[in-house]
């Protein structure tokens, strides 16, 4: 989906709920999702077969499908989720010719190694997300 194409909500987000970092990030996104634009789907069960791609691909990178059936993977999928909940999506920076391929590679490396990340690093990376998911559980913020 190009940046000029309007996103059709809701977005169905396929993510690995067994990953602490992924769960913290998606929990924080869902907590901010006042307009109910995100539908989170855990693709980690071994028998999962309901996504836009094979389970192996879904477990390799976050996938988002908008209401019009358009699929985004990796950094563009994260950007779409952030936009859906009103967070800055880093689009201008991530679209720079030298930055975009680096962001894609960095995301791929992080996604590939996400299960091996030590707890302190997950807390550091998902600090704001982890805090938001603890303080805004079930759509009720307790700040």
Protein backbone atom coordinates (compact mmCIF):
# COMPACT_ATOMS: atom_id res chain seq x y z
CA UNK A 1 0.00 0.00 0.00
CA UNK A 2 1.53 3.32 -0.97
CA UNK A 3 1.63 6.23 1.44
CA UNK A 4 -0.84 8.08 -0.79
CA UNK A 5 -3.44 5.29 -0.51
CA UNK A 6 -5.90 5.85 2.33
CA UNK A 7 -5.88 3.10 4.91
CA UNK A 8 -9.22 1.35 5.33
CA UNK A 9 -9.93 0.53 8.97
CA UNK A 10 -9.96 -1.67 10.92
CA UNK A 11 -6.49 -3.12 10.57
CA UNK A 12 -6.05 -6.78 11.38
CA UNK A 13 -2.62 -7.15 12.97
CA UNK A 14 -0.91 -10.56 12.96
CA UNK A 15 1.78 -10.72 15.63
CA UNK A 16 3.62 -13.19 17.86
CA UNK A 17 2.01 -13.02 21.31
CA UNK A 18 4.72 -15.31 22.74
CA UNK A 19 7.24 -12.50 22.18
CA UNK A 20 7.48 -10.18 25.20
CA UNK A 21 8.48 -7.21 23.06
CA UNK A 22 5.71 -7.81 20.52
CA UNK A 23 3.11 -8.27 23.25
CA UNK A 24 4.17 -5.10 25.07
CA UNK A 25 4.06 -3.06 21.86
CA UNK A 26 0.70 -4.44 20.74
CA UNK A 27 -0.75 -4.08 24.25
CA UNK A 28 0.27 -0.43 24.27
CA UNK A 29 -1.19 0.10 20.80
CA UNK A 30 -4.47 -1.52 21.80
CA UNK A 31 -4.61 0.57 24.98
CA UNK A 32 -4.40 3.73 22.82
CA UNK A 33 -6.91 2.42 20.26
CA UNK A 34 -9.91 4.54 21.30
CA UNK A 35 -11.40 4.35 17.78
CA UNK A 36 -11.18 0.52 17.67
CA UNK A 37 -9.04 0.58 14.54
CA UNK A 38 -6.91 -2.46 15.46
CA UNK A 39 -7.88 -6.11 15.62
CA UNK A 40 -5.02 -8.08 17.15
CA UNK A 41 -4.49 -11.69 16.09
CA UNK A 42 -1.98 -13.97 17.77
CA UNK A 43 -0.38 -16.05 15.02
CA UNK A 44 1.90 -18.01 17.37
CA UNK A 45 -0.15 -21.20 17.89
CA UNK A 46 1.52 -24.01 15.89
CA UNK A 47 -1.73 -24.82 14.07
CA UNK A 48 -2.51 -21.20 13.11
CA UNK A 49 -3.52 -20.99 9.45
CA UNK A 50 -5.91 -18.03 9.13
CA UNK A 51 -3.61 -15.20 8.08
CA UNK A 52 -2.65 -13.45 4.87
CA UNK A 53 0.48 -15.61 4.58
CA UNK A 54 1.84 -18.91 5.84
CA UNK A 55 2.40 -19.05 9.61
CA UNK A 56 6.19 -19.09 9.13
CA UNK A 57 6.05 -15.74 7.31
CA UNK A 58 3.69 -14.30 9.93
CA UNK A 59 6.11 -15.35 12.67
CA UNK A 60 9.02 -13.75 10.80
CA UNK A 61 7.52 -10.26 10.56
CA UNK A 62 4.43 -8.38 11.69
CA UNK A 63 1.69 -8.37 9.05
CA UNK A 64 -1.22 -5.93 8.81
CA UNK A 65 -4.25 -6.30 6.56
CA UNK A 66 -6.53 -3.30 6.16
CA UNK A 67 -10.28 -3.53 5.59
CA UNK A 68 -9.73 -3.33 1.82
CA UNK A 69 -7.50 -6.42 1.95
CA UNK A 70 -4.19 -4.60 1.41
CA UNK A 71 -1.26 -6.21 3.23
CA UNK A 72 1.73 -4.49 4.79
CA UNK A 73 4.70 -6.25 6.37
CA UNK A 74 7.46 -5.13 8.75
CA UNK A 75 8.20 -1.42 9.12
CA UNK A 76 5.23 -0.28 6.97
CA UNK A 77 2.94 -2.46 9.12
CA UNK A 78 4.25 -0.87 12.30
CA UNK A 79 3.84 2.56 10.73
CA UNK A 80 0.19 1.75 9.89
CA UNK A 81 -0.50 0.59 13.46
CA UNK A 82 1.04 3.72 14.95
CA UNK A 83 -0.95 5.92 12.59
CA UNK A 84 -4.15 4.07 13.48
CA UNK A 85 -3.80 4.90 17.17
CA UNK A 86 -2.59 8.47 16.71
CA UNK A 87 1.11 7.99 17.45
CA UNK A 88 3.78 9.66 15.34
CA UNK A 89 4.74 7.08 12.74
CA UNK A 90 8.21 8.32 11.81
CA UNK A 91 7.15 8.29 8.16
CA UNK A 92 9.22 11.23 6.98
CA UNK A 93 12.37 9.89 8.58
CA UNK A 94 11.78 6.29 7.55
CA UNK A 95 11.11 7.32 3.95
CA UNK A 96 14.52 8.93 3.47
CA UNK A 97 16.44 7.03 0.77
CA UNK A 98 19.32 6.06 3.07
CA UNK A 99 17.22 5.41 6.17
CA UNK A 100 14.46 3.20 4.73
CA UNK A 101 16.68 0.20 3.85
CA UNK A 102 18.47 0.51 7.20
CA UNK A 103 15.16 0.53 9.07
CA UNK A 104 14.04 -2.56 7.16
CA UNK A 105 17.29 -4.38 7.99
CA UNK A 106 17.21 -3.31 11.63
CA UNK A 107 13.60 -4.51 11.94
CA UNK A 108 14.47 -7.84 10.30
CA UNK A 109 17.40 -8.38 12.69
CA UNK A 110 15.31 -7.46 15.73
CA UNK A 111 12.40 -9.66 14.63
CA UNK A 112 14.71 -12.59 13.93
CA UNK A 113 16.27 -12.35 17.41
CA UNK A 114 13.26 -11.18 19.44
CA UNK A 115 12.89 -14.39 21.46
CA UNK A 116 16.55 -14.21 22.55
CA UNK A 117 16.40 -10.66 23.87
CA UNK A 118 17.18 -10.43 27.58
CA UNK A 119 14.45 -9.02 29.80
CA UNK A 120 16.37 -5.81 30.55
CA UNK A 121 16.65 -5.07 26.80
CA UNK A 122 12.95 -5.77 26.22
CA UNK A 123 12.18 -3.35 29.05
CA UNK A 124 14.50 -0.77 27.52
CA UNK A 125 13.09 -1.18 23.98
CA UNK A 126 9.46 -1.40 25.07
CA UNK A 127 9.77 0.92 28.05
CA UNK A 128 7.01 3.34 27.06
CA UNK A 129 4.95 0.50 25.57
CA UNK A 130 5.42 -1.71 28.61
CA UNK A 131 4.46 1.14 30.92
CA UNK A 132 1.41 1.99 28.82
CA UNK A 133 0.27 -1.61 28.74
CA UNK A 134 0.54 -1.82 32.54
CA UNK A 135 -1.21 1.49 33.17
CA UNK A 136 -3.84 1.27 30.44
CA UNK A 137 -5.09 -2.28 30.68
CA UNK A 138 -8.53 -3.05 29.25
CA UNK A 139 -8.86 0.47 27.88
CA UNK A 140 -8.90 1.98 31.39
CA UNK A 141 -5.88 4.22 31.97
CA UNK A 142 -4.61 4.58 35.51
CA UNK A 143 -1.97 7.31 35.18
